[in-house]
Amino acid sequence: MLDPTILTIGGIVLGIALIERILERWGVIDLVDQFAKVMRFILPVTFYSASIYFFATFMF
């Protein structure tokens, strides 16, 4: 079974990626660049946090 927390985090990340694609098509390049800088920090932190949570709760 997949944990709802992990599914929620994944949904948020996918939503942000879709918003970034839409903004890129509209030509809002400055905002997309700022978004990319923020995502470069948030995505690894989210991934490692979800991984630690998953292993901490399902290993025992």
PDB file of N, CA and C in Angstrom:
ATOM      1  N   MET A   1       0.826  -1.195   0.000  1.00  0.00           N
ATOM      2  CA  MET A   1       0.000   0.000   0.000  1.00  0.00           C
ATOM      3  C   MET A   1       0.865   1.252   0.000  1.00  0.00           C
ATOM      4  N   LEU A   2       0.394   2.250  -0.682  1.00  0.00           N
ATOM      5  CA  LEU A   2       1.097   3.530  -0.705  1.00  0.00           C
ATOM      6  C   LEU A   2       0.533   4.445   0.376  1.00  0.00           C
ATOM      7  N   ASP A   3       1.413   5.149   1.025  1.00  0.00           N
ATOM      8  CA  ASP A   3       1.021   6.043   2.100  1.00  0.00           C
ATOM      9  C   ASP A   3       0.418   7.325   1.533  1.00  0.00           C
ATOM     10  N   PRO A   4      -0.668   7.816   2.101  1.00  0.00           N
ATOM     11  CA  PRO A   4      -1.287   9.055   1.591  1.00  0.00           C
ATOM     12  C   PRO A   4      -0.351  10.258   1.620  1.00  0.00           C
ATOM     13  N   THR A   5       0.567  10.302   2.578  1.00  0.00           N
ATOM     14  CA  THR A   5       1.500  11.431   2.641  1.00  0.00           C
ATOM     15  C   THR A   5       2.404  11.453   1.416  1.00  0.00           C
ATOM     16  N   ILE A   6       2.913  10.283   1.042  1.00  0.00           N
ATOM     17  CA  ILE A   6       3.789  10.199  -0.132  1.00  0.00           C
ATOM     18  C   ILE A   6       3.008  10.537  -1.396  1.00  0.00           C
ATOM     19  N   LEU A   7       1.763  10.061  -1.488  1.00  0.00           N
ATOM     20  CA  LEU A   7       0.949  10.387  -2.655  1.00  0.00           C
ATOM     21  C   LEU A   7       0.645  11.877  -2.723  1.00  0.00           C
ATOM     22  N   THR A   8       0.410  12.505  -1.588  1.00  0.00           N
ATOM     23  CA  THR A   8       0.143  13.948  -1.561  1.00  0.00           C
ATOM     24  C   THR A   8       1.363  14.733  -2.021  1.00  0.00           C
ATOM     25  N   ILE A   9       2.528  14.365  -1.510  1.00  0.00           N
ATOM     26  CA  ILE A   9       3.763  15.052  -1.905  1.00  0.00           C
ATOM     27  C   ILE A   9       4.002  14.873  -3.399  1.00  0.00           C
ATOM     28  N   GLY A  10       3.800  13.668  -3.903  1.00  0.00           N
ATOM     29  CA  GLY A  10       3.966  13.420  -5.337  1.00  0.00           C
ATOM     30  C   GLY A  10       2.995  14.239  -6.175  1.00  0.00           C
ATOM     31  N   GLY A  11       1.752  14.351  -5.715  1.00  0.00           N
ATOM     32  CA  GLY A  11       0.759  15.150  -6.424  1.00  0.00           C
ATOM     33  C   GLY A  11       1.118  16.614  -6.460  1.00  0.00           C
ATOM     34  N   ILE A  12       1.655  17.107  -5.352  1.00  0.00           N
ATOM     35  CA  ILE A  12       2.078  18.513  -5.299  1.00  0.00           C
ATOM     36  C   ILE A  12       3.223  18.756  -6.277  1.00  0.00           C
ATOM     37  N   VAL A  13       4.186  17.840  -6.297  1.00  0.00           N
ATOM     38  CA  VAL A  13       5.331  17.998  -7.208  1.00  0.00           C
ATOM     39  C   VAL A  13       4.873  17.959  -8.656  1.00  0.00           C
ATOM     40  N   LEU A  14       3.968  17.031  -8.990  1.00  0.00           N
ATOM     41  CA  LEU A  14       3.453  16.974 -10.362  1.00  0.00           C
ATOM     42  C   LEU A  14       2.669  18.234 -10.718  1.00  0.00           C
ATOM     43  N   GLY A  15       1.891  18.753  -9.778  1.00  0.00           N
ATOM     44  CA  GLY A  15       1.144  19.985 -10.013  1.00  0.00           C
ATOM     45  C   GLY A  15       2.065  21.156 -10.282  1.00  0.00           C
ATOM     46  N   ILE A  16       3.132  21.253  -9.515  1.00  0.00           N
ATOM     47  CA  ILE A  16       4.100  22.330  -9.718  1.00  0.00           C
ATOM     48  C   ILE A  16       4.767  22.195 -11.081  1.00  0.00           C
ATOM     49  N   ALA A  17       5.081  20.955 -11.484  1.00  0.00           N
ATOM     50  CA  ALA A  17       5.696  20.747 -12.796  1.00  0.00           C
ATOM     51  C   ALA A  17       4.742  21.166 -13.922  1.00  0.00           C
ATOM     52  N   LEU A  18       3.461  20.855 -13.773  1.00  0.00           N
ATOM     53  CA  LEU A  18       2.484  21.267 -14.790  1.00  0.00           C
ATOM     54  C   LEU A  18       2.348  22.784 -14.853  1.00  0.00           C
ATOM     55  N   ILE A  19       2.315  23.432 -13.699  1.00  0.00           N
ATOM     56  CA  ILE A  19       2.229  24.895 -13.674  1.00  0.00           C
ATOM     57  C   ILE A  19       3.447  25.508 -14.348  1.00  0.00           C
ATOM     58  N   GLU A  20       4.617  24.917 -14.092  1.00  0.00           N
ATOM     59  CA  GLU A  20       5.840  25.423 -14.718  1.00  0.00           C
ATOM     60  C   GLU A  20       5.777  25.294 -16.235  1.00  0.00           C
ATOM     61  N   ARG A  21       5.268  24.171 -16.731  1.00  0.00           N
ATOM     62  CA  ARG A  21       5.139  23.990 -18.190  1.00  0.00           C
ATOM     63  C   ARG A  21       4.184  25.012 -18.803  1.00  0.00           C
ATOM     64  N   ILE A  22       3.068  25.246 -18.122  1.00  0.00           N
ATOM     65  CA  ILE A  22       2.092  26.213 -18.637  1.00  0.00           C
ATOM     66  C   ILE A  22       2.700  27.605 -18.681  1.00  0.00           C
ATOM     67  N   LEU A  23       3.394  27.997 -17.616  1.00  0.00           N
ATOM     68  CA  LEU A  23       4.018  29.324 -17.594  1.00  0.00           C
ATOM     69  C   LEU A  23       5.092  29.448 -18.663  1.00  0.00           C
ATOM     70  N   GLU A  24       5.795  28.358 -18.914  1.00  0.00           N
ATOM     71  CA  GLU A  24       6.826  28.387 -19.956  1.00  0.00           C
ATOM     72  C   GLU A  24       6.205  28.581 -21.335  1.00  0.00           C
ATOM     73  N   ARG A  25       5.069  27.943 -21.583  1.00  0.00           N
ATOM     74  CA  ARG A  25       4.400  28.110 -22.882  1.00  0.00           C
ATOM     75  C   ARG A  25       3.837  29.512 -23.054  1.00  0.00           C
ATOM     76  N   TRP A  26       3.406  30.119 -21.958  1.00  0.00           N
ATOM     77  CA  TRP A  26       2.861  31.473 -22.034  1.00  0.00           C
ATOM     78  C   TRP A  26       3.947  32.515 -22.225  1.00  0.00           C
ATOM     79  N   GLY A  27       5.197  32.130 -22.023  1.00  0.00           N
ATOM     80  CA  GLY A  27       6.293  33.056 -22.221  1.00  0.00           C
ATOM     81  C   GLY A  27       6.691  33.832 -20.986  1.00  0.00           C
ATOM     82  N   VAL A  28       6.292  33.359 -19.839  1.00  0.00           N
ATOM     83  CA  VAL A  28       6.652  34.037 -18.592  1.00  0.00           C
ATOM     84  C   VAL A  28       7.968  33.424 -18.114  1.00  0.00           C
ATOM     85  N   ILE A  29       9.048  33.774 -18.808  1.00  0.00           N
ATOM     86  CA  ILE A  29      10.336  33.123 -18.602  1.00  0.00           C
ATOM     87  C   ILE A  29      10.941  33.480 -17.246  1.00  0.00           C
ATOM     88  N   ASP A  30      10.831  34.730 -16.810  1.00  0.00           N
ATOM     89  CA  ASP A  30      11.436  35.144 -15.544  1.00  0.00           C
ATOM     90  C   ASP A  30      10.854  34.358 -14.374  1.00  0.00           C
ATOM     91  N   LEU A  31       9.549  34.203 -14.391  1.00  0.00           N
ATOM     92  CA  LEU A  31       8.891  33.467 -13.311  1.00  0.00           C
ATOM     93  C   LEU A  31       9.287  31.997 -13.328  1.00  0.00           C
ATOM     94  N   VAL A  32       9.440  31.441 -14.520  1.00  0.00           N
ATOM     95  CA  VAL A  32       9.851  30.036 -14.642  1.00  0.00           C
ATOM     96  C   VAL A  32      11.264  29.851 -14.113  1.00  0.00           C
ATOM     97  N   ASP A  33      12.148  30.800 -14.390  1.00  0.00           N
ATOM     98  CA  ASP A  33      13.516  30.707 -13.875  1.00  0.00           C
ATOM     99  C   ASP A  33      13.545  30.759 -12.354  1.00  0.00           C
ATOM    100  N   GLN A  34      12.739  31.643 -11.771  1.00  0.00           N
ATOM    101  CA  GLN A  34      12.663  31.714 -10.312  1.00  0.00           C
ATOM    102  C   GLN A  34      12.093  30.413  -9.743  1.00  0.00           C
ATOM    103  N   PHE A  35      11.088  29.885 -10.413  1.00  0.00           N
ATOM    104  CA  PHE A  35      10.469  28.617 -10.020  1.00  0.00           C
ATOM    105  C   PHE A  35      11.499  27.496 -10.042  1.00  0.00           C
ATOM    106  N   ALA A  36      12.326  27.472 -11.077  1.00  0.00           N
ATOM    107  CA  ALA A  36      13.342  26.428 -11.216  1.00  0.00           C
ATOM    108  C   ALA A  36      14.362  26.501 -10.088  1.00  0.00           C
ATOM    109  N   LYS A  37      14.729  27.707  -9.686  1.00  0.00           N
ATOM    110  CA  LYS A  37      15.679  27.847  -8.584  1.00  0.00           C
ATOM    111  C   LYS A  37      15.101  27.309  -7.285  1.00  0.00           C
ATOM    112  N   VAL A  38      13.837  27.592  -7.041  1.00  0.00           N
ATOM    113  CA  VAL A  38      13.184  27.101  -5.826  1.00  0.00           C
ATOM    114  C   VAL A  38      13.030  25.582  -5.881  1.00  0.00           C
ATOM    115  N   MET A  39      12.635  25.061  -7.030  1.00  0.00           N
ATOM    116  CA  MET A  39      12.419  23.619  -7.173  1.00  0.00           C
ATOM    117  C   MET A  39      13.724  22.842  -7.031  1.00  0.00           C
ATOM    118  N   ARG A  40      14.827  23.437  -7.441  1.00  0.00           N
ATOM    119  CA  ARG A  40      16.123  22.785  -7.325  1.00  0.00           C
ATOM    120  C   ARG A  40      16.454  22.481  -5.862  1.00  0.00           C
ATOM    121  N   PHE A  41      15.892  23.270  -4.951  1.00  0.00           N
ATOM    122  CA  PHE A  41      16.095  23.031  -3.519  1.00  0.00           C
ATOM    123  C   PHE A  41      14.987  22.152  -2.936  1.00  0.00           C
ATOM    124  N   ILE A  42      13.738  22.412  -3.322  1.00  0.00           N
ATOM    125  CA  ILE A  42      12.599  21.735  -2.699  1.00  0.00           C
ATOM    126  C   ILE A  42      12.505  20.268  -3.108  1.00  0.00           C
ATOM    127  N   LEU A  43      12.723  19.955  -4.366  1.00  0.00           N
ATOM    128  CA  LEU A  43      12.538  18.575  -4.819  1.00  0.00           C
ATOM    129  C   LEU A  43      13.462  17.578  -4.126  1.00  0.00           C
ATOM    130  N   PRO A  44      14.764  17.819  -4.013  1.00  0.00           N
ATOM    131  CA  PRO A  44      15.596  16.856  -3.286  1.00  0.00           C
ATOM    132  C   PRO A  44      15.215  16.736  -1.806  1.00  0.00           C
ATOM    133  N   VAL A  45      14.896  17.863  -1.184  1.00  0.00           N
ATOM    134  CA  VAL A  45      14.497  17.820   0.229  1.00  0.00           C
ATOM    135  C   VAL A  45      13.219  17.005   0.390  1.00  0.00           C
ATOM    136  N   THR A  46      12.261  17.216  -0.492  1.00  0.00           N
ATOM    137  CA  THR A  46      11.004  16.469  -0.442  1.00  0.00           C
ATOM    138  C   THR A  46      11.245  14.988  -0.676  1.00  0.00           C
ATOM    139  N   PHE A  47      12.069  14.667  -1.652  1.00  0.00           N
ATOM    140  CA  PHE A  47      12.345  13.264  -1.957  1.00  0.00           C
ATOM    141  C   PHE A  47      13.000  12.554  -0.778  1.00  0.00           C
ATOM    142  N   TYR A  48      14.038  13.162  -0.211  1.00  0.00           N
ATOM    143  CA  TYR A  48      14.733  12.515   0.898  1.00  0.00           C
ATOM    144  C   TYR A  48      13.857  12.451   2.142  1.00  0.00           C
ATOM    145  N   SER A  49      13.054  13.463   2.379  1.00  0.00           N
ATOM    146  CA  SER A  49      12.152  13.437   3.529  1.00  0.00           C
ATOM    147  C   SER A  49      11.112  12.333   3.384  1.00  0.00           C
ATOM    148  N   ALA A  50      10.545  12.205   2.188  1.00  0.00           N
ATOM    149  CA  ALA A  50       9.560  11.147   1.950  1.00  0.00           C
ATOM    150  C   ALA A  50      10.205   9.771   2.059  1.00  0.00           C
ATOM    151  N   SER A  51      11.433   9.629   1.585  1.00  0.00           N
ATOM    152  CA  SER A  51      12.136   8.348   1.677  1.00  0.00           C
ATOM    153  C   SER A  51      12.413   7.965   3.127  1.00  0.00           C
ATOM    154  N   ILE A  52      12.883   8.926   3.909  1.00  0.00           N
ATOM    155  CA  ILE A  52      13.149   8.659   5.328  1.00  0.00           C
ATOM    156  C   ILE A  52      11.855   8.299   6.043  1.00  0.00           C
ATOM    157  N   TYR A  53      10.783   9.037   5.763  1.00  0.00           N
ATOM    158  CA  TYR A  53       9.492   8.737   6.380  1.00  0.00           C
ATOM    159  C   TYR A  53       9.023   7.339   5.995  1.00  0.00           C
ATOM    160  N   PHE A  54       9.156   6.994   4.721  1.00  0.00           N
ATOM    161  CA  PHE A  54       8.723   5.689   4.249  1.00  0.00           C
ATOM    162  C   PHE A  54       9.497   4.569   4.948  1.00  0.00           C
ATOM    163  N   PHE A  55      10.811   4.680   4.978  1.00  0.00           N
ATOM    164  CA  PHE A  55      11.609   3.613   5.592  1.00  0.00           C
ATOM    165  C   PHE A  55      11.421   3.574   7.102  1.00  0.00           C
ATOM    166  N   ALA A  56      11.198   4.705   7.726  1.00  0.00           N
ATOM    167  CA  ALA A  56      11.009   4.723   9.174  1.00  0.00           C
ATOM    168  C   ALA A  56       9.681   4.095   9.584  1.00  0.00           C
ATOM    169  N   THR A  57       8.656   4.249   8.758  1.00  0.00           N
ATOM    170  CA  THR A  57       7.344   3.732   9.136  1.00  0.00           C
ATOM    171  C   THR A  57       7.085   2.323   8.638  1.00  0.00           C
ATOM    172  N   PHE A  58       7.684   1.922   7.537  1.00  0.00           N
ATOM    173  CA  PHE A  58       7.367   0.604   6.977  1.00  0.00           C
ATOM    174  C   PHE A  58       8.439  -0.459   7.226  1.00  0.00           C
ATOM    175  N   MET A  59       9.549  -0.081   7.808  1.00  0.00           N
ATOM    176  CA  MET A  59      10.583  -1.072   8.074  1.00  0.00           C
ATOM    177  C   MET A  59      10.292  -1.896   9.324  1.00  0.00           C
ATOM    178  N   PHE A  60       9.525  -1.326  10.250  1.00  0.00           N
ATOM    179  CA  PHE A  60       9.286  -2.021  11.518  1.00  0.00           C
ATOM    180  C   PHE A  60       7.848  -2.399  11.694  1.00  0.00           C
TER     181      PHE A  60
END
